[in-house]
Protein backbone atom coordinates (compact mmCIF):
# COMPACT_ATOMS: atom_id res chain seq x y z
CA MET A 1 54.52 -50.58 -229.93
CA LYS A 2 54.79 -46.74 -229.98
CA MET A 3 51.59 -46.47 -228.05
CA MET A 4 52.94 -48.87 -225.39
CA VAL A 5 56.27 -46.81 -225.04
CA LYS A 6 54.22 -43.60 -224.89
CA GLN A 7 51.88 -45.03 -222.03
CA PHE A 8 55.03 -46.39 -220.20
CA THR A 9 56.73 -42.98 -220.42
CA ILE A 10 53.67 -41.15 -219.14
CA THR A 11 53.16 -43.62 -216.33
CA ALA A 12 56.86 -43.36 -215.23
CA LEU A 13 56.68 -39.55 -215.25
CA VAL A 14 53.60 -39.59 -213.12
CA ALA A 15 55.14 -41.98 -210.72
CA LEU A 16 58.35 -39.89 -210.43
CA LEU A 17 56.39 -36.81 -209.73
CA MET A 18 54.34 -38.56 -207.12
CA LEU A 19 57.22 -40.13 -205.29
CA GLY A 20 59.78 -37.41 -205.79
CA GLY A 21 57.53 -34.34 -205.40
CA CYS A 22 58.15 -31.03 -206.94
CA SER A 23 60.15 -29.40 -204.15
CA ASP A 24 63.78 -29.08 -203.68
CA SER A 25 63.21 -27.84 -200.12
CA LYS A 26 65.33 -29.77 -197.57
CA ASP A 27 62.41 -29.84 -195.16
CA ALA A 28 60.08 -31.31 -197.68
CA GLN A 29 62.66 -33.87 -198.81
CA SER A 30 63.32 -34.95 -195.28
CA GLY A 31 59.72 -35.84 -194.79
CA ASP A 32 59.22 -33.21 -191.95
CA ALA A 33 55.40 -33.06 -191.71
CA ASP A 34 55.64 -29.50 -190.04
CA ALA A 35 57.23 -28.16 -193.23
CA LEU A 36 54.03 -29.06 -195.12
CA ILE A 37 51.66 -27.27 -192.80
CA ALA A 38 50.66 -23.63 -193.51
CA LYS A 39 51.73 -21.33 -190.73
CA THR A 40 50.31 -17.89 -189.93
CA VAL A 41 51.68 -15.46 -187.51
CA TYR A 42 49.29 -13.10 -185.50
CA THR A 43 50.62 -10.11 -183.48
CA LEU A 44 48.54 -9.30 -180.49
CA ASN A 45 49.28 -5.98 -178.91
CA ASP A 46 48.74 -5.72 -175.12
CA ILE A 47 46.98 -2.45 -174.06
CA ASN A 48 50.01 -1.67 -171.91
CA GLY A 49 52.65 -1.91 -174.70
CA SER A 50 53.71 -5.49 -174.72
CA ALA A 51 53.27 -7.60 -178.01
CA TYR A 52 52.71 -11.31 -178.33
CA GLU A 53 53.41 -13.23 -181.53
CA VAL A 54 51.21 -16.27 -181.90
CA THR A 55 51.96 -18.75 -184.67
CA LYS A 56 49.21 -20.95 -185.97
CA SER A 57 50.53 -24.19 -187.32
CA GLY A 58 47.65 -26.65 -188.10
CA ALA A 59 45.38 -26.61 -185.04
CA ASP A 60 48.09 -25.40 -182.79
CA PHE A 61 48.73 -21.91 -181.58
CA ARG A 62 52.24 -21.29 -180.06
CA ILE A 63 52.89 -17.93 -178.37
CA SER A 64 56.42 -16.61 -178.09
CA GLY A 65 57.80 -14.90 -175.06
CA VAL A 66 55.29 -16.41 -172.63
CA PRO A 67 57.03 -18.75 -170.10
CA GLU A 68 53.84 -20.21 -168.69
CA PRO A 69 53.04 -23.47 -170.21
CA VAL A 70 49.22 -23.01 -170.09
CA VAL A 71 47.65 -20.14 -171.99
CA VAL A 72 44.07 -19.25 -171.90
CA TYR A 73 42.72 -16.99 -174.69
CA ASP A 74 39.44 -15.30 -173.45
CA ILE A 75 37.67 -14.03 -176.54
CA PHE A 76 35.24 -11.39 -175.34
CA ALA A 77 33.56 -8.03 -175.78
CA THR A 78 33.07 -5.20 -173.27
CA TRP A 79 29.42 -5.00 -174.01
CA CYS A 80 28.79 -8.65 -173.21
CA PRO A 81 27.30 -9.14 -169.69
CA PRO A 82 28.77 -12.72 -169.18
CA CYS A 83 32.07 -11.43 -170.49
CA ARG A 84 32.06 -8.73 -167.88
CA ALA A 85 30.92 -11.17 -165.13
CA GLU A 86 33.76 -13.69 -165.75
CA ALA A 87 36.59 -11.00 -165.80
CA PRO A 88 37.01 -10.89 -161.94
CA HIS A 89 37.10 -14.61 -161.84
CA LEU A 90 39.80 -14.80 -164.51
CA SER A 91 41.66 -12.12 -162.58
CA SER A 92 41.41 -14.25 -159.43
CA LEU A 93 42.65 -17.31 -161.25
CA GLN A 94 45.60 -15.37 -162.79
CA LYS A 95 46.73 -14.49 -159.30
CA LYS A 96 46.22 -17.89 -157.83
CA LEU A 97 48.00 -19.62 -160.64
CA ALA A 98 50.68 -17.15 -161.35
CA GLY A 99 53.61 -18.61 -163.10
CA LYS A 100 51.57 -21.63 -164.23
CA ILE A 101 48.99 -19.97 -166.49
CA LYS A 102 48.73 -16.90 -168.66
CA ILE A 103 45.32 -15.47 -169.41
CA ILE A 104 45.05 -13.11 -172.45
CA GLY A 105 41.80 -11.23 -173.17
CA VAL A 106 41.22 -10.95 -176.88
CA THR A 107 38.59 -8.44 -177.66
CA ILE A 108 36.49 -8.85 -180.79
CA GLU A 109 35.50 -5.23 -180.83
CA GLU A 110 37.03 -2.77 -183.31
CA GLY A 111 37.52 0.99 -183.20
CA ASN A 112 38.36 1.36 -179.48
CA ASP A 113 41.69 2.67 -178.34
CA ASN A 114 43.93 1.25 -175.63
CA ALA A 115 42.75 3.95 -173.22
CA TYR A 116 39.19 2.66 -173.53
CA TYR A 117 40.27 -0.77 -172.57
CA ARG A 118 42.45 0.30 -169.77
CA ARG A 119 39.35 2.08 -168.27
CA PHE A 120 37.37 -1.00 -168.79
CA ALA A 121 40.08 -3.11 -167.08
CA GLU A 122 40.15 -0.75 -164.16
CA ASP A 123 36.38 -0.53 -163.79
CA ILE A 124 35.97 -4.32 -163.94
CA GLY A 125 39.04 -5.32 -161.99
CA ILE A 126 40.89 -7.03 -164.81
CA GLU A 127 44.51 -8.03 -163.83
CA TYR A 128 45.55 -10.07 -166.80
CA SER A 129 46.61 -9.14 -170.25
CA LEU A 130 44.13 -7.55 -172.63
CA VAL A 131 45.04 -7.22 -176.36
CA ASN A 132 43.71 -4.82 -178.75
CA SER A 133 45.32 -5.08 -182.26
CA PRO A 134 44.36 -5.28 -185.91
CA ASP A 135 44.95 -9.06 -185.80
CA ASN A 136 42.37 -9.71 -183.02
CA GLN A 137 39.46 -10.45 -185.31
CA LYS A 138 41.49 -12.65 -187.63
CA PHE A 139 43.11 -14.53 -184.65
CA SER A 140 39.70 -15.08 -182.87
CA ARG A 141 38.12 -16.57 -186.11
CA ALA A 142 41.27 -18.77 -186.65
CA VAL A 143 41.03 -20.08 -183.12
CA ALA A 144 37.31 -20.61 -183.46
CA GLY A 145 37.74 -22.39 -186.79
CA ALA A 146 40.51 -24.65 -185.42
CA ILE A 147 38.49 -25.78 -182.46
CA GLY A 148 35.40 -26.36 -184.62
CA VAL A 149 32.91 -23.86 -183.17
CA GLY A 150 32.47 -21.98 -186.49
CA GLN A 151 32.75 -18.30 -187.33
CA ASP A 152 29.66 -17.17 -185.55
CA PHE A 153 31.00 -18.47 -182.23
CA PRO A 154 29.46 -17.53 -178.94
CA ILE A 155 31.29 -15.28 -176.36
CA PRO A 156 32.78 -15.41 -173.91
CA LEU A 157 34.89 -18.08 -175.43
CA MET A 158 37.82 -19.34 -173.39
CA VAL A 159 40.22 -21.59 -175.32
CA VAL A 160 43.01 -23.33 -173.42
CA TYR A 161 46.43 -24.47 -174.83
CA LYS A 162 49.20 -26.25 -173.21
CA ASN A 163 52.53 -25.76 -174.80
CA GLY A 164 50.72 -24.40 -177.88
CA ARG A 165 48.62 -27.56 -178.26
CA PHE A 166 44.72 -27.32 -177.95
CA VAL A 167 43.37 -28.75 -174.78
CA LYS A 168 39.78 -27.67 -174.41
CA TYR A 169 37.40 -24.66 -174.56
CA TYR A 170 34.56 -23.19 -172.60
CA SER A 171 31.80 -21.06 -173.99
CA GLY A 172 29.63 -18.88 -171.89
CA LEU A 173 30.00 -18.05 -168.16
CA VAL A 174 31.82 -20.80 -166.35
CA PRO A 175 32.13 -21.15 -162.58
CA GLU A 176 35.49 -20.00 -161.19
CA GLU A 177 35.84 -23.28 -159.23
CA MET A 178 35.48 -25.35 -162.21
CA LEU A 179 38.07 -23.36 -164.22
CA GLU A 180 40.44 -23.37 -161.33
CA SER A 181 40.26 -27.13 -160.91
CA ASP A 182 40.67 -27.74 -164.67
CA LEU A 183 43.50 -25.24 -165.03
CA LYS A 184 45.32 -26.25 -161.88
CA ALA A 185 45.30 -29.91 -162.96
CA LEU A 186 46.42 -28.96 -166.39
CA ALA A 187 49.31 -26.78 -165.13
CA GLU A 188 50.49 -29.57 -162.78
CA ALA A 189 50.27 -32.37 -165.32
CA GLN A 190 53.43 -33.32 -166.97
């Protein structure tokens, strides 16, 4: 009889822990799934002094302070020929779709100062945001991991989000017309 009471007590405790949880957090008790997802915040510093805070929540990356619904993260390096070749096309798209998309170039290089990237932008004709911050590497790896291309991802890697939710990615040099068609359709879609 004592053995049955002991088994019943253990079973009841396990059931209570599983059903009740161990948290007294209001979010966890309310069943809010977002409260259970780990969140990480990346600060991406623009070479001209602006800063963007990007919050990773699950597979989503939400950027604060950017009114455009469509954000394209262009993960690149200055020494990469396809990255250099795509930059004027991205600048053209930023102008054509101004107010609808925001293109942010995220360098994977370390050790270069902002003056280096300003010269690079001027030489290549970049007219979109470039970020050079300590979080660039971690951010790039987090994005690559979230979209499933792995940690040794190819560059250039353009990753498109709408309202913080992943839409698609492009790797390698992509024709401007294709990008324009895709981004325009995405920006106009409800």
